[in-house]
């Protein structure tokens, strides 16, 4: 297998995990909105996966940079910068006391991230299929 194909398979798996983590956060917020879960449980569940999401997204962006895939890197770089900026300002965690006031904003933020990850998923599938057709056995 070529290095390109391994990169795109790693990218495919990473983007699927990112979509799953974002959907999980969105489900936790929806459960909170409809009173199926209390604010403490919802925020602790979301906060447990935020760092994993940021680290995985940063690793994926770095892997595109290191393998000189400029288009996916440039697509992911602004989001990575925004995640680093949130992390450095300590605003990446959901606050238990403020979660009801921020609920609509947090849900919109997660929906935009979900749409971004779906676009990245389409790019990844296209590039993986394109690179796998170039492999000679």
N, C-alpha and C. Protein backbone atom coordinates (compact mmCIF):
# COMPACT_ATOMS: atom_id res chain seq x y z
N UNK A 1 0.83 -1.19 0.00
CA UNK A 1 0.00 0.00 0.00
C UNK A 1 0.87 1.24 0.00
N UNK A 2 0.42 2.23 -0.71
CA UNK A 2 1.19 3.46 -0.78
C UNK A 2 0.93 4.32 0.46
N UNK A 3 1.81 5.23 0.69
CA UNK A 3 1.69 6.14 1.83
C UNK A 3 0.45 7.02 1.66
N UNK A 4 0.17 7.39 0.42
CA UNK A 4 -1.00 8.22 0.15
C UNK A 4 -2.29 7.52 0.57
N UNK A 5 -2.40 6.26 0.23
CA UNK A 5 -3.60 5.52 0.56
C UNK A 5 -3.74 5.34 2.07
N UNK A 6 -2.64 5.10 2.75
CA UNK A 6 -2.67 4.97 4.20
C UNK A 6 -3.10 6.30 4.84
N UNK A 7 -2.60 7.41 4.31
CA UNK A 7 -2.99 8.72 4.82
C UNK A 7 -4.50 8.94 4.66
N UNK A 8 -5.04 8.60 3.50
CA UNK A 8 -6.46 8.85 3.28
C UNK A 8 -7.33 7.88 4.06
N UNK A 9 -6.85 6.67 4.32
CA UNK A 9 -7.60 5.76 5.18
C UNK A 9 -7.59 6.25 6.63
N UNK A 10 -6.46 6.76 7.09
CA UNK A 10 -6.39 7.38 8.42
C UNK A 10 -7.30 8.60 8.48
N UNK A 11 -7.30 9.38 7.43
CA UNK A 11 -8.15 10.56 7.37
C UNK A 11 -9.62 10.17 7.40
N UNK A 12 -9.97 9.11 6.67
CA UNK A 12 -11.36 8.64 6.65
C UNK A 12 -11.80 8.22 8.05
N UNK A 13 -10.98 7.43 8.72
CA UNK A 13 -11.33 6.98 10.07
C UNK A 13 -11.40 8.15 11.04
N UNK A 14 -10.48 9.09 10.93
CA UNK A 14 -10.47 10.25 11.83
C UNK A 14 -11.70 11.13 11.63
N UNK A 15 -12.07 11.36 10.39
CA UNK A 15 -13.24 12.19 10.12
C UNK A 15 -14.51 11.51 10.60
N UNK A 16 -14.57 10.18 10.46
CA UNK A 16 -15.74 9.46 10.98
C UNK A 16 -15.84 9.60 12.51
N UNK A 17 -14.71 9.54 13.20
CA UNK A 17 -14.71 9.72 14.65
C UNK A 17 -15.11 11.15 15.00
N UNK A 18 -14.62 12.13 14.24
CA UNK A 18 -14.98 13.53 14.49
C UNK A 18 -16.47 13.75 14.29
N UNK A 19 -17.04 13.15 13.26
CA UNK A 19 -18.49 13.27 13.04
C UNK A 19 -19.24 12.63 14.20
N UNK A 20 -18.79 11.47 14.65
CA UNK A 20 -19.44 10.79 15.77
C UNK A 20 -19.37 11.60 17.06
N UNK A 21 -18.21 12.19 17.35
CA UNK A 21 -18.06 12.98 18.56
C UNK A 21 -18.93 14.23 18.53
N UNK A 22 -18.99 14.87 17.38
CA UNK A 22 -19.82 16.07 17.25
C UNK A 22 -21.30 15.72 17.35
N UNK A 23 -21.70 14.63 16.74
CA UNK A 23 -23.09 14.19 16.84
C UNK A 23 -23.44 13.84 18.29
N UNK A 24 -22.51 13.21 19.00
CA UNK A 24 -22.72 12.87 20.41
C UNK A 24 -22.94 14.13 21.25
N UNK A 25 -22.12 15.17 21.00
CA UNK A 25 -22.28 16.43 21.72
C UNK A 25 -23.63 17.07 21.41
N UNK A 26 -24.03 16.99 20.16
CA UNK A 26 -25.32 17.56 19.75
C UNK A 26 -26.48 16.80 20.39
N UNK A 27 -26.36 15.49 20.50
CA UNK A 27 -27.39 14.68 21.16
C UNK A 27 -27.46 15.02 22.65
N UNK A 28 -26.32 15.21 23.29
CA UNK A 28 -26.32 15.60 24.71
C UNK A 28 -27.02 16.95 24.90
N UNK A 29 -26.78 17.89 24.00
CA UNK A 29 -27.42 19.20 24.11
C UNK A 29 -28.92 19.09 23.84
N UNK A 30 -29.31 18.25 22.91
CA UNK A 30 -30.74 18.06 22.64
C UNK A 30 -31.43 17.38 23.82
N UNK A 31 -30.77 16.40 24.43
CA UNK A 31 -31.33 15.76 25.61
C UNK A 31 -31.49 16.76 26.75
N UNK A 32 -30.55 17.67 26.88
CA UNK A 32 -30.65 18.70 27.91
C UNK A 32 -31.82 19.64 27.61
N UNK A 33 -31.99 19.97 26.35
CA UNK A 33 -33.06 20.89 25.97
C UNK A 33 -34.44 20.30 26.28
N UNK A 34 -34.60 19.02 26.10
CA UNK A 34 -35.89 18.37 26.34
C UNK A 34 -35.98 17.74 27.74
N UNK A 35 -35.05 18.10 28.62
CA UNK A 35 -35.06 17.68 30.02
C UNK A 35 -34.94 16.18 30.23
N UNK A 36 -34.21 15.49 29.36
CA UNK A 36 -33.95 14.08 29.57
C UNK A 36 -32.71 13.85 30.42
N UNK A 37 -31.91 14.90 30.58
CA UNK A 37 -30.65 14.80 31.30
C UNK A 37 -30.44 16.10 32.07
N UNK A 38 -29.74 16.03 33.19
CA UNK A 38 -29.52 17.26 33.95
C UNK A 38 -28.29 18.00 33.42
N UNK A 39 -28.15 19.29 33.75
CA UNK A 39 -27.04 20.10 33.20
C UNK A 39 -25.66 19.57 33.57
N UNK A 40 -25.50 19.05 34.78
CA UNK A 40 -24.19 18.55 35.19
C UNK A 40 -23.76 17.36 34.33
N UNK A 41 -24.65 16.40 34.14
CA UNK A 41 -24.31 15.23 33.33
C UNK A 41 -24.04 15.61 31.88
N UNK A 42 -24.86 16.51 31.36
CA UNK A 42 -24.68 16.92 29.97
C UNK A 42 -23.33 17.61 29.76
N UNK A 43 -23.02 18.55 30.64
CA UNK A 43 -21.75 19.27 30.48
C UNK A 43 -20.55 18.37 30.73
N UNK A 44 -20.66 17.44 31.67
CA UNK A 44 -19.52 16.54 31.91
C UNK A 44 -19.31 15.58 30.73
N UNK A 45 -20.39 15.14 30.11
CA UNK A 45 -20.26 14.28 28.94
C UNK A 45 -19.65 15.03 27.76
N UNK A 46 -20.09 16.25 27.55
CA UNK A 46 -19.54 17.05 26.44
C UNK A 46 -18.09 17.40 26.70
N UNK A 47 -17.77 17.82 27.92
CA UNK A 47 -16.40 18.20 28.25
C UNK A 47 -15.44 17.02 28.16
N UNK A 48 -15.93 15.81 28.33
CA UNK A 48 -15.06 14.63 28.25
C UNK A 48 -14.60 14.36 26.83
N UNK A 49 -15.37 14.76 25.83
CA UNK A 49 -14.99 14.45 24.45
C UNK A 49 -14.44 15.65 23.69
N UNK A 50 -14.50 16.84 24.27
CA UNK A 50 -14.02 18.03 23.57
C UNK A 50 -12.51 17.96 23.33
N UNK A 51 -11.76 17.58 24.34
CA UNK A 51 -10.30 17.50 24.19
C UNK A 51 -9.91 16.43 23.17
N UNK A 52 -10.61 15.32 23.17
CA UNK A 52 -10.35 14.26 22.19
C UNK A 52 -10.61 14.78 20.78
N UNK A 53 -11.71 15.50 20.61
CA UNK A 53 -12.04 16.06 19.30
C UNK A 53 -10.98 17.05 18.84
N UNK A 54 -10.57 17.95 19.72
CA UNK A 54 -9.57 18.95 19.36
C UNK A 54 -8.23 18.29 19.00
N UNK A 55 -7.83 17.30 19.78
CA UNK A 55 -6.55 16.63 19.53
C UNK A 55 -6.58 15.86 18.21
N UNK A 56 -7.67 15.17 17.95
CA UNK A 56 -7.78 14.40 16.72
C UNK A 56 -7.83 15.32 15.50
N UNK A 57 -8.54 16.41 15.61
CA UNK A 57 -8.63 17.35 14.50
C UNK A 57 -7.27 18.02 14.27
N UNK A 58 -6.55 18.34 15.32
CA UNK A 58 -5.21 18.92 15.18
C UNK A 58 -4.22 17.93 14.59
N UNK A 59 -4.31 16.66 15.00
CA UNK A 59 -3.42 15.63 14.44
C UNK A 59 -3.70 15.41 12.96
N UNK A 60 -4.95 15.44 12.59
CA UNK A 60 -5.31 15.28 11.18
C UNK A 60 -4.79 16.44 10.35
N UNK A 61 -4.94 17.65 10.87
CA UNK A 61 -4.43 18.83 10.17
C UNK A 61 -2.91 18.78 10.05
N UNK A 62 -2.23 18.36 11.11
CA UNK A 62 -0.77 18.24 11.08
C UNK A 62 -0.32 17.16 10.11
N UNK A 63 -1.07 16.07 10.01
CA UNK A 63 -0.68 15.01 9.07
C UNK A 63 -0.82 15.49 7.63
N UNK A 64 -1.81 16.32 7.35
CA UNK A 64 -1.92 16.89 6.01
C UNK A 64 -0.78 17.85 5.72
N UNK A 65 -0.37 18.61 6.73
CA UNK A 65 0.75 19.53 6.55
C UNK A 65 2.05 18.76 6.31
N UNK A 66 2.29 17.72 7.10
CA UNK A 66 3.54 16.97 6.99
C UNK A 66 3.64 16.17 5.69
N UNK A 67 2.50 15.78 5.12
CA UNK A 67 2.51 15.04 3.86
C UNK A 67 2.31 15.94 2.64
N UNK A 68 2.32 17.24 2.89
CA UNK A 68 2.24 18.26 1.84
C UNK A 68 0.95 18.18 1.02
N UNK A 69 -0.16 17.89 1.68
CA UNK A 69 -1.47 17.96 1.03
C UNK A 69 -2.06 19.32 1.40
N UNK A 70 -1.83 20.28 0.52
CA UNK A 70 -2.12 21.67 0.85
C UNK A 70 -3.61 21.98 0.91
N UNK A 71 -4.41 21.45 0.00
CA UNK A 71 -5.83 21.78 -0.01
C UNK A 71 -6.53 21.33 1.27
N UNK A 72 -6.42 20.06 1.70
CA UNK A 72 -7.07 19.69 2.96
C UNK A 72 -6.48 20.43 4.16
N UNK A 73 -5.18 20.69 4.12
CA UNK A 73 -4.57 21.44 5.22
C UNK A 73 -5.15 22.84 5.30
N UNK A 74 -5.27 23.52 4.16
CA UNK A 74 -5.79 24.89 4.17
C UNK A 74 -7.28 24.93 4.51
N UNK A 75 -8.00 23.86 4.23
CA UNK A 75 -9.41 23.79 4.63
C UNK A 75 -9.51 23.63 6.15
N UNK A 76 -8.62 22.83 6.73
CA UNK A 76 -8.69 22.54 8.16
C UNK A 76 -7.96 23.54 9.04
N UNK A 77 -7.04 24.30 8.49
CA UNK A 77 -6.21 25.21 9.29
C UNK A 77 -7.02 26.26 10.06
N UNK A 78 -8.02 26.90 9.46
CA UNK A 78 -8.78 27.89 10.26
C UNK A 78 -9.53 27.26 11.44
N UNK A 79 -10.06 26.09 11.26
CA UNK A 79 -10.78 25.42 12.35
C UNK A 79 -9.79 25.01 13.44
N UNK A 80 -8.62 24.54 13.04
CA UNK A 80 -7.60 24.17 14.02
C UNK A 80 -7.15 25.40 14.80
N UNK A 81 -6.97 26.51 14.09
CA UNK A 81 -6.59 27.75 14.76
C UNK A 81 -7.67 28.18 15.75
N UNK A 82 -8.93 28.06 15.36
CA UNK A 82 -10.03 28.44 16.24
C UNK A 82 -10.08 27.54 17.48
N UNK A 83 -9.84 26.25 17.29
CA UNK A 83 -9.82 25.33 18.42
C UNK A 83 -8.67 25.66 19.37
N UNK A 84 -7.50 25.97 18.82
CA UNK A 84 -6.35 26.34 19.66
C UNK A 84 -6.65 27.63 20.41
N UNK A 85 -7.27 28.58 19.72
CA UNK A 85 -7.62 29.85 20.36
C UNK A 85 -8.62 29.65 21.50
N UNK A 86 -9.62 28.80 21.30
CA UNK A 86 -10.57 28.50 22.37
C UNK A 86 -9.89 27.80 23.54
N UNK A 87 -9.00 26.87 23.22
CA UNK A 87 -8.31 26.12 24.27
C UNK A 87 -7.40 27.04 25.09
N UNK A 88 -6.68 27.91 24.44
CA UNK A 88 -5.77 28.82 25.14
C UNK A 88 -6.53 29.82 26.01
N UNK A 89 -7.73 30.22 25.58
CA UNK A 89 -8.54 31.15 26.37
C UNK A 89 -9.38 30.42 27.41
N UNK A 90 -9.26 29.10 27.48
CA UNK A 90 -10.00 28.26 28.42
C UNK A 90 -11.51 28.38 28.22
N UNK A 91 -11.93 28.55 26.96
CA UNK A 91 -13.35 28.65 26.64
C UNK A 91 -13.85 27.42 25.90
N UNK A 92 -13.10 26.35 25.92
CA UNK A 92 -13.47 25.15 25.18
C UNK A 92 -14.42 24.26 25.97
N UNK A 93 -14.52 24.44 27.26
CA UNK A 93 -15.38 23.61 28.09
C UNK A 93 -16.76 24.25 28.27
N UNK A 94 -17.77 23.42 28.41
CA UNK A 94 -19.13 23.89 28.63
C UNK A 94 -19.30 24.10 30.14
N UNK A 95 -19.78 25.27 30.52
CA UNK A 95 -19.98 25.60 31.92
C UNK A 95 -21.34 25.11 32.39
N UNK A 96 -21.38 24.45 33.52
CA UNK A 96 -22.62 23.88 34.04
C UNK A 96 -23.64 24.97 34.37
N UNK A 97 -23.16 26.06 34.92
CA UNK A 97 -24.07 27.12 35.36
C UNK A 97 -24.59 27.96 34.21
N UNK A 98 -23.90 27.98 33.10
CA UNK A 98 -24.29 28.82 31.97
C UNK A 98 -24.87 28.03 30.80
N UNK A 99 -25.03 26.73 30.94
CA UNK A 99 -25.36 25.90 29.79
C UNK A 99 -26.76 26.19 29.23
N UNK A 100 -27.71 26.53 30.10
CA UNK A 100 -29.05 26.81 29.58
C UNK A 100 -29.09 28.12 28.81
N UNK A 101 -28.31 29.09 29.24
CA UNK A 101 -28.27 30.36 28.53
C UNK A 101 -27.54 30.24 27.19
N UNK A 102 -26.59 29.34 27.11
CA UNK A 102 -25.79 29.17 25.90
C UNK A 102 -26.27 28.02 25.03
N UNK A 103 -27.41 27.43 25.33
CA UNK A 103 -27.85 26.20 24.67
C UNK A 103 -28.04 26.38 23.17
N UNK A 104 -28.75 27.42 22.74
CA UNK A 104 -28.99 27.62 21.31
C UNK A 104 -27.69 27.91 20.56
N UNK A 105 -26.83 28.72 21.15
CA UNK A 105 -25.54 29.01 20.52
C UNK A 105 -24.66 27.78 20.41
N UNK A 106 -24.63 26.98 21.47
CA UNK A 106 -23.83 25.76 21.44
C UNK A 106 -24.35 24.76 20.41
N UNK A 107 -25.67 24.65 20.29
CA UNK A 107 -26.24 23.74 19.29
C UNK A 107 -25.92 24.21 17.88
N UNK A 108 -26.00 25.52 17.63
CA UNK A 108 -25.65 26.04 16.30
C UNK A 108 -24.18 25.83 15.99
N UNK A 109 -23.34 26.04 16.99
CA UNK A 109 -21.90 25.83 16.83
C UNK A 109 -21.60 24.38 16.47
N UNK A 110 -22.25 23.45 17.15
CA UNK A 110 -22.04 22.03 16.85
C UNK A 110 -22.61 21.66 15.48
N UNK A 111 -23.71 22.27 15.08
CA UNK A 111 -24.28 21.99 13.75
C UNK A 111 -23.35 22.47 12.64
N UNK A 112 -22.75 23.63 12.82
CA UNK A 112 -21.80 24.15 11.83
C UNK A 112 -20.58 23.24 11.76
N UNK A 113 -20.09 22.78 12.92
CA UNK A 113 -18.95 21.85 12.92
C UNK A 113 -19.32 20.53 12.25
N UNK A 114 -20.54 20.06 12.47
CA UNK A 114 -20.99 18.83 11.84
C UNK A 114 -21.04 18.98 10.33
N UNK A 115 -21.53 20.11 9.85
CA UNK A 115 -21.56 20.36 8.40
C UNK A 115 -20.14 20.44 7.84
N UNK A 116 -19.23 21.07 8.59
CA UNK A 116 -17.83 21.15 8.15
C UNK A 116 -17.21 19.77 8.06
N UNK A 117 -17.46 18.93 9.07
CA UNK A 117 -16.89 17.59 9.06
C UNK A 117 -17.50 16.73 7.96
N UNK A 118 -18.76 16.94 7.62
CA UNK A 118 -19.35 16.21 6.49
C UNK A 118 -18.70 16.64 5.17
N UNK A 119 -18.43 17.93 5.01
CA UNK A 119 -17.73 18.38 3.80
C UNK A 119 -16.33 17.77 3.74
N UNK A 120 -15.65 17.73 4.87
CA UNK A 120 -14.33 17.11 4.94
C UNK A 120 -14.42 15.62 4.64
N UNK A 121 -15.50 14.98 5.07
CA UNK A 121 -15.72 13.57 4.78
C UNK A 121 -15.85 13.33 3.28
N UNK A 122 -16.56 14.20 2.59
CA UNK A 122 -16.72 14.07 1.14
C UNK A 122 -15.38 14.26 0.44
N UNK A 123 -14.60 15.24 0.88
CA UNK A 123 -13.27 15.46 0.30
C UNK A 123 -12.39 14.23 0.53
N UNK A 124 -12.44 13.68 1.72
CA UNK A 124 -11.62 12.52 2.06
C UNK A 124 -12.00 11.30 1.23
N UNK A 125 -13.28 11.05 1.07
CA UNK A 125 -13.70 9.90 0.26
C UNK A 125 -13.27 10.07 -1.19
N UNK A 126 -13.43 11.27 -1.71
CA UNK A 126 -13.03 11.51 -3.10
C UNK A 126 -11.54 11.29 -3.28
N UNK A 127 -10.74 11.85 -2.40
CA UNK A 127 -9.29 11.72 -2.53
C UNK A 127 -8.82 10.28 -2.28
N UNK A 128 -9.47 9.58 -1.35
CA UNK A 128 -9.10 8.18 -1.10
C UNK A 128 -9.42 7.31 -2.31
N UNK A 129 -10.57 7.52 -2.93
CA UNK A 129 -10.92 6.76 -4.12
C UNK A 129 -10.01 7.11 -5.29
N UNK A 130 -9.66 8.38 -5.39
CA UNK A 130 -8.77 8.82 -6.46
C UNK A 130 -7.37 8.22 -6.29
N UNK A 131 -6.87 8.20 -5.08
CA UNK A 131 -5.54 7.64 -4.83
C UNK A 131 -5.54 6.12 -4.90
N UNK A 132 -6.63 5.47 -4.53
CA UNK A 132 -6.66 4.02 -4.59
C UNK A 132 -6.74 3.53 -6.02
N UNK A 133 -7.25 4.34 -6.93
CA UNK A 133 -7.29 3.92 -8.34
C UNK A 133 -5.92 4.03 -8.99
N UNK A 134 -5.01 4.80 -8.37
CA UNK A 134 -3.67 4.95 -8.91
C UNK A 134 -2.72 3.85 -8.46
N UNK A 135 -3.12 3.05 -7.48
CA UNK A 135 -2.26 1.99 -6.94
C UNK A 135 -2.15 0.85 -7.96
N UNK A 136 -0.91 0.46 -8.24
CA UNK A 136 -0.65 -0.62 -9.17
C UNK A 136 -0.25 -1.87 -8.38
N UNK A 137 -0.89 -2.99 -8.65
CA UNK A 137 -0.58 -4.22 -7.93
C UNK A 137 0.40 -5.06 -8.65
